[in-house]
Amino acid sequence: MQENNQTVVNEFFLLGFQSNKLSTMFLFCLLLVVYFGTICGNLLIITLVSTSKILHTPMYFFISQLSISDILLTTDIVPNMLHILLNNGGTITFIGCIVQFYFFCVSETSECLLLAVMSYDRYVAICNPLRYTSIMTWTHCLKLVTICWLLGFTIILSDNVSVSMLDFCGPNVIDHFFCDLVPLLSISCSDTFVVQLEIYLLSFPVAIIPSIIIIVSYVNIVSTILRIPSSTGRQKAFSTCSSHLIVVSIFYGTLFSVYVFPTRGQLSSISKDLSLLYTVFTPFINPIIYSLRNKDIKKAVQEVIVKPLFQ
């Protein structure tokens, strides 16, 4: 289609990972196993939290919501990536690209907010243990989770609409394995100032404010733990939030490396590797981190899965 002597792009070609056939097949098999493990692991967490009375606490309720976000993220990215790997690249329609970008933003935004809520939950549990049950009621937890998901689905709508209204008049090749913001802006022939301004403004409620909540929460948590007289008490208190702290460090570390502190020429190499980490491997390791050395999860597995098998 020709319009004003410019070709209007209605589909994009995703390059994915350009490498030899052996490396491509190895990566395909690895990602297929990781995707299967991600779905099974996160579904297991959701099932255990919903069926086991041991896990009917705010902390595990928030973990189950995080698992839902992880399933949404990896399902949005990985199936199409596997197709791209098999075909050494692949096309995606303009609408399909915008939809993929939208659900990617939804899952990332929701995860940022959920991690902040989980840090607040750990703050109340460790710094105000006597008031924990009165503060973190089920009504309050449901409100917090609802706000996270509503903001996740609505707050980034304006940015997605702005991206969808950009002109793409060629080239249509994206050097990435999914429709991410930076590569889309780099091939647009429109002025992207408004979109970049929206992103800058949205970064405050989506990333900056949650980061501040997490930092303030853990400063108070560490301060409280250090005041505990016994080493056993300090170890027990720290163990309740160590898993969350590891997940936060991995998630925000990679996210900030790609979007906040990118280096010149990063897009085609380091950026794709970091994106692979937080879109594919982080959702895979989250259930492992939360279940590792977790006595409640182990008891729930025995109660919900092991015992029924031997009855």
Protein backbone atom coordinates (compact mmCIF):
# COMPACT_ATOMS: atom_id res chain seq x y z
CA MET A 1 0.00 0.00 0.00
CA GLN A 2 1.32 3.43 -0.96
CA GLU A 3 0.42 6.61 0.87
CA ASN A 4 2.22 9.93 0.43
CA ASN A 5 5.07 8.09 -1.31
CA GLN A 6 5.67 6.00 1.85
CA THR A 7 5.03 2.29 2.37
CA VAL A 8 2.65 1.66 5.26
CA VAL A 9 3.91 -1.32 7.26
CA ASN A 10 1.19 -3.75 8.37
CA GLU A 11 3.47 -6.53 9.60
CA PHE A 12 6.90 -6.85 11.19
CA PHE A 13 9.67 -9.39 10.83
CA LEU A 14 11.21 -10.46 14.15
CA LEU A 15 14.80 -11.61 13.75
CA GLY A 16 15.00 -13.44 17.08
CA PHE A 17 18.38 -15.03 17.77
CA GLN A 18 20.41 -15.33 14.58
CA SER A 19 22.85 -18.22 15.08
CA ASN A 20 23.83 -21.59 13.59
CA LYS A 21 21.35 -24.44 13.37
CA LEU A 22 22.82 -26.43 16.27
CA SER A 23 22.72 -23.45 18.67
CA THR A 24 19.20 -22.60 17.53
CA MET A 25 17.91 -26.13 18.19
CA PHE A 26 19.60 -26.21 21.58
CA LEU A 27 17.99 -22.88 22.52
CA PHE A 28 14.62 -24.09 21.20
CA CYS A 29 14.74 -27.25 23.34
CA LEU A 30 15.92 -25.30 26.37
CA LEU A 31 13.16 -22.70 26.07
CA LEU A 32 10.53 -25.40 25.47
CA VAL A 33 11.56 -27.19 28.69
CA VAL A 34 11.70 -23.88 30.60
CA TYR A 35 8.25 -22.87 29.31
CA PHE A 36 6.75 -26.22 30.30
CA GLY A 37 8.40 -25.96 33.72
CA THR A 38 7.18 -22.38 34.15
CA ILE A 39 3.57 -23.27 33.44
CA CYS A 40 3.65 -26.38 35.66
CA GLY A 41 5.51 -24.69 38.51
CA ASN A 42 3.29 -21.62 38.64
CA LEU A 43 0.09 -23.65 38.23
CA LEU A 44 1.27 -25.83 41.11
CA ILE A 45 1.73 -22.73 43.31
CA ILE A 46 -1.74 -21.44 42.39
CA THR A 47 -3.32 -24.85 43.03
CA LEU A 48 -1.59 -25.32 46.39
CA VAL A 49 -2.48 -21.83 47.62
CA SER A 50 -6.13 -22.21 46.61
CA THR A 51 -6.61 -25.71 48.08
CA SER A 52 -4.31 -26.03 51.09
CA LYS A 53 -5.40 -24.41 54.37
CA ILE A 54 -1.74 -24.14 55.42
CA LEU A 55 -1.18 -21.60 52.65
CA HIS A 56 -4.29 -19.50 53.29
CA THR A 57 -2.25 -16.49 54.38
CA PRO A 58 -1.73 -13.07 52.74
CA MET A 59 1.88 -13.86 51.81
CA TYR A 60 0.99 -16.98 49.80
CA PHE A 61 -2.06 -15.26 48.32
CA PHE A 62 0.25 -12.59 46.90
CA ILE A 63 2.66 -15.27 45.67
CA SER A 64 -0.21 -16.95 43.78
CA GLN A 65 -1.02 -13.62 42.11
CA LEU A 66 2.62 -13.29 41.12
CA SER A 67 2.37 -16.76 39.56
CA ILE A 68 -0.62 -15.62 37.49
CA SER A 69 1.41 -12.64 36.27
CA ASP A 70 4.33 -14.93 35.39
CA ILE A 71 2.07 -17.28 33.40
CA LEU A 72 0.62 -14.31 31.50
CA LEU A 73 4.09 -12.96 30.70
CA THR A 74 5.70 -16.18 29.54
CA THR A 75 2.63 -17.26 27.51
CA ASP A 76 2.61 -13.89 25.78
CA ILE A 77 6.28 -14.19 24.75
CA VAL A 78 7.52 -17.78 24.54
CA PRO A 79 5.18 -19.59 22.06
CA ASN A 80 5.83 -17.01 19.34
CA MET A 81 9.55 -17.03 20.20
CA LEU A 82 9.68 -20.79 19.69
CA HIS A 83 8.04 -20.32 16.28
CA ILE A 84 10.65 -17.66 15.41
CA LEU A 85 13.50 -19.97 16.45
CA LEU A 86 12.20 -22.84 14.30
CA ASN A 87 11.89 -20.59 11.25
CA ASN A 88 15.02 -18.48 11.83
CA GLY A 89 12.80 -15.42 12.20
CA GLY A 90 9.09 -14.82 11.80
CA THR A 91 6.47 -12.28 10.85
CA ILE A 92 3.88 -10.79 13.17
CA THR A 93 1.01 -8.56 12.14
CA PHE A 94 0.88 -4.95 13.30
CA ILE A 95 -2.18 -5.69 15.46
CA GLY A 96 -0.56 -8.85 16.83
CA CYS A 97 2.54 -6.85 17.70
CA ILE A 98 0.56 -4.19 19.58
CA VAL A 99 -1.46 -6.87 21.44
CA GLN A 100 1.73 -8.69 22.45
CA PHE A 101 3.27 -5.42 23.63
CA TYR A 102 0.10 -4.60 25.63
CA PHE A 103 0.00 -7.89 27.54
CA PHE A 104 3.75 -7.68 28.11
CA CYS A 105 3.22 -4.25 29.70
CA VAL A 106 0.26 -5.53 31.74
CA SER A 107 2.23 -8.43 33.23
CA GLU A 108 5.34 -6.30 33.93
CA THR A 109 3.31 -3.48 35.51
CA SER A 110 1.28 -5.90 37.63
CA GLU A 111 4.46 -7.66 38.76
CA CYS A 112 6.09 -4.37 39.78
CA LEU A 113 3.04 -3.45 41.86
CA LEU A 114 2.63 -6.94 43.33
CA LEU A 115 6.28 -7.03 44.44
CA ALA A 116 5.73 -3.68 46.19
CA VAL A 117 2.61 -5.02 47.92
CA MET A 118 4.52 -8.14 49.00
CA SER A 119 7.30 -6.01 50.48
CA TYR A 120 4.67 -4.05 52.42
CA ASP A 121 3.21 -7.34 53.66
CA ARG A 122 6.67 -8.46 54.90
CA TYR A 123 7.17 -5.03 56.52
CA VAL A 124 3.96 -5.35 58.51
CA ALA A 125 4.70 -8.98 59.45
CA ILE A 126 8.20 -8.22 60.80
CA CYS A 127 7.92 -4.62 62.04
CA ASN A 128 4.34 -4.76 63.38
CA PRO A 129 3.70 -8.46 64.13
CA LEU A 130 1.07 -7.81 66.82
CA ARG A 131 -1.05 -5.78 64.40
CA TYR A 132 -0.46 -7.99 61.35
CA THR A 133 -3.78 -9.83 61.41
CA SER A 134 -5.75 -6.62 61.96
CA ILE A 135 -3.94 -4.78 59.14
CA MET A 136 -3.58 -7.51 56.51
CA THR A 137 -7.19 -8.68 56.53
CA TRP A 138 -8.53 -10.64 53.56
CA THR A 139 -10.61 -7.63 52.51
CA HIS A 140 -7.51 -5.45 52.54
CA CYS A 141 -5.49 -8.04 50.61
CA LEU A 142 -8.20 -8.39 47.95
CA LYS A 143 -8.33 -4.61 47.55
CA LEU A 144 -4.56 -4.41 47.12
CA VAL A 145 -4.50 -7.20 44.52
CA THR A 146 -7.48 -5.73 42.65
CA ILE A 147 -5.76 -2.35 42.49
CA CYS A 148 -2.58 -3.99 41.16
CA TRP A 149 -4.42 -5.78 38.35
CA LEU A 150 -6.68 -2.82 37.47
CA LEU A 151 -3.69 -0.51 37.26
CA GLY A 152 -1.83 -3.14 35.26
CA PHE A 153 -4.60 -3.33 32.65
CA THR A 154 -5.42 0.39 32.50
CA ILE A 155 -2.41 2.54 33.35
CA ILE A 156 -0.42 1.55 30.27
CA LEU A 157 -3.37 1.84 27.83
CA SER A 158 -2.45 5.39 26.86
CA ASP A 159 1.11 4.35 26.04
CA ASN A 160 -0.08 1.40 23.94
CA VAL A 161 -2.57 3.59 22.07
CA SER A 162 0.19 6.13 21.37
CA VAL A 163 2.51 3.39 20.06
CA SER A 164 -0.28 1.99 17.85
CA MET A 165 -0.79 5.46 16.31
CA LEU A 166 2.85 5.80 15.26
CA ASP A 167 3.66 5.59 11.56
CA PHE A 168 5.81 2.68 10.39
CA CYS A 169 6.87 3.22 6.80
CA GLY A 170 9.86 0.88 6.59
CA PRO A 171 12.00 -0.93 7.38
CA ASN A 172 9.82 -3.47 9.15
CA VAL A 173 12.62 -5.65 10.62
CA ILE A 174 12.81 -5.79 14.44
CA ASP A 175 16.07 -7.10 15.87
CA HIS A 176 14.40 -8.73 18.85
CA PHE A 177 12.38 -11.82 19.75
CA PHE A 178 9.20 -9.94 20.71
CA CYS A 179 7.55 -6.55 20.16
CA ASP A 180 9.28 -4.45 22.78
CA LEU A 181 9.09 -0.67 23.14
CA VAL A 182 12.65 0.36 22.24
CA PRO A 183 12.88 -1.57 18.92
CA LEU A 184 9.41 -0.35 17.92
CA LEU A 185 10.36 3.28 18.51
CA SER A 186 13.66 2.80 16.68
CA ILE A 187 11.96 1.79 13.40
CA SER A 188 9.10 4.29 13.55
CA CYS A 189 9.19 7.15 11.06
CA SER A 190 7.04 9.34 13.35
CA ASP A 191 8.15 11.79 15.99
CA THR A 192 8.31 9.67 19.15
CA PHE A 193 8.68 12.56 21.62
CA VAL A 194 5.11 12.25 22.95
CA VAL A 195 5.45 8.49 23.43
CA GLN A 196 8.77 8.89 25.24
CA LEU A 197 7.26 11.60 27.46
CA GLU A 198 4.35 9.30 28.34
CA ILE A 199 6.79 6.51 29.19
CA TYR A 200 8.77 8.86 31.40
CA LEU A 201 5.60 9.96 33.25
CA LEU A 202 4.28 6.39 33.56
CA SER A 203 7.59 5.19 34.99
CA PHE A 204 6.79 6.95 38.28
CA PRO A 205 3.62 5.01 39.24
CA VAL A 206 4.78 1.82 37.49
CA ALA A 207 8.43 1.50 38.56
CA ILE A 208 9.77 4.39 40.64
CA ILE A 209 7.09 4.48 43.37
CA PRO A 210 7.02 0.66 43.78
CA SER A 211 10.83 0.70 44.00
CA ILE A 212 10.71 3.34 46.72
CA ILE A 213 8.10 1.31 48.64
CA ILE A 214 10.30 -1.79 48.42
CA ILE A 215 13.46 0.07 49.50
CA VAL A 216 11.76 1.82 52.44
CA SER A 217 10.11 -1.43 53.53
CA TYR A 218 13.38 -3.36 53.53
CA VAL A 219 15.31 -0.59 55.27
CA ASN A 220 12.79 -0.84 58.11
CA ILE A 221 12.80 -4.65 57.96
CA VAL A 222 16.59 -4.88 58.20
CA SER A 223 16.63 -2.31 61.00
CA THR A 224 14.05 -4.31 62.94
CA ILE A 225 15.82 -7.64 62.35
CA LEU A 226 19.15 -6.25 63.58
CA ARG A 227 17.47 -5.23 66.85
CA ILE A 228 16.33 -8.81 67.54
CA PRO A 229 18.56 -10.06 70.40
CA SER A 230 18.84 -13.75 69.49
CA SER A 231 20.58 -15.00 66.36
CA THR A 232 17.86 -17.65 65.93
CA GLY A 233 15.19 -14.96 65.94
CA ARG A 234 17.10 -12.86 63.41
CA GLN A 235 17.58 -15.87 61.12
CA LYS A 236 13.90 -16.81 61.34
CA ALA A 237 12.78 -13.25 60.61
CA PHE A 238 15.12 -12.90 57.64
CA SER A 239 14.07 -16.26 56.18
CA THR A 240 10.48 -15.00 55.84
CA CYS A 241 11.52 -12.30 53.37
CA SER A 242 14.72 -13.65 51.78
CA SER A 243 12.89 -15.34 48.88
CA HIS A 244 11.02 -12.16 48.04
CA LEU A 245 14.22 -10.14 48.21
CA ILE A 246 15.93 -12.49 45.74
CA VAL A 247 13.01 -12.26 43.29
CA VAL A 248 12.93 -8.45 43.60
CA SER A 249 16.69 -8.20 42.99
CA ILE A 250 16.56 -10.35 39.84
CA PHE A 251 13.44 -8.69 38.43
CA TYR A 252 14.38 -5.07 39.04
CA GLY A 253 18.05 -5.66 38.25
CA THR A 254 17.31 -6.86 34.71
CA LEU A 255 14.40 -4.44 34.18
CA PHE A 256 16.45 -1.38 35.10
CA SER A 257 19.41 -2.63 33.04
CA VAL A 258 17.28 -2.74 29.90
CA TYR A 259 14.99 0.29 30.29
CA VAL A 260 16.60 2.69 32.77
CA PHE A 261 20.36 2.32 32.28
CA PRO A 262 20.77 1.01 28.71
CA THR A 263 24.16 1.24 27.06
CA ARG A 264 24.77 2.38 23.50
CA GLY A 265 24.56 -0.50 21.02
CA GLN A 266 22.92 -2.71 23.62
CA LEU A 267 19.74 -3.54 21.68
CA SER A 268 21.00 -6.31 19.44
CA SER A 269 23.11 -8.19 21.97
CA ILE A 270 23.01 -7.55 25.72
CA SER A 271 19.46 -6.22 25.68
CA LYS A 272 18.08 -9.43 24.13
CA ASP A 273 19.93 -11.57 26.67
CA LEU A 274 18.63 -9.48 29.58
CA SER A 275 15.12 -9.51 28.11
CA LEU A 276 15.34 -13.29 27.84
CA LEU A 277 16.24 -13.40 31.53
CA TYR A 278 13.24 -11.48 32.85
CA THR A 279 10.65 -12.65 30.31
CA VAL A 280 11.50 -16.36 30.28
CA PHE A 281 13.82 -17.44 33.08
CA THR A 282 12.55 -15.24 35.93
CA PRO A 283 8.99 -16.66 35.70
CA PHE A 284 10.59 -20.12 35.69
CA ILE A 285 12.76 -19.63 38.79
CA ASN A 286 10.19 -17.69 40.86
CA PRO A 287 8.26 -20.83 41.96
CA ILE A 288 11.58 -22.57 42.68
CA ILE A 289 12.81 -19.70 44.84
CA TYR A 290 9.56 -19.46 46.79
CA SER A 291 9.29 -23.23 47.33
CA LEU A 292 12.97 -23.87 48.08
CA ARG A 293 13.42 -24.65 51.80
CA ASN A 294 9.81 -23.61 52.38
CA LYS A 295 8.27 -25.94 54.94
CA ASP A 296 4.72 -24.70 54.30
CA ILE A 297 4.96 -25.43 50.57
CA LYS A 298 6.36 -28.92 51.28
CA LYS A 299 3.55 -29.66 53.74
CA ALA A 300 0.99 -28.43 51.21
CA VAL A 301 2.44 -30.70 48.50
CA GLN A 302 2.16 -33.70 50.85
CA GLU A 303 -1.37 -32.72 51.84
CA VAL A 304 -2.75 -31.92 48.38
CA ILE A 305 -0.76 -34.22 46.05
CA VAL A 306 1.18 -36.97 47.87
CA LYS A 307 -1.45 -38.18 50.37
CA PRO A 308 -4.33 -38.52 47.82
CA LEU A 309 -2.07 -40.66 45.61
CA PHE A 310 -1.51 -43.21 48.38
CA GLN A 311 -5.05 -43.33 49.69
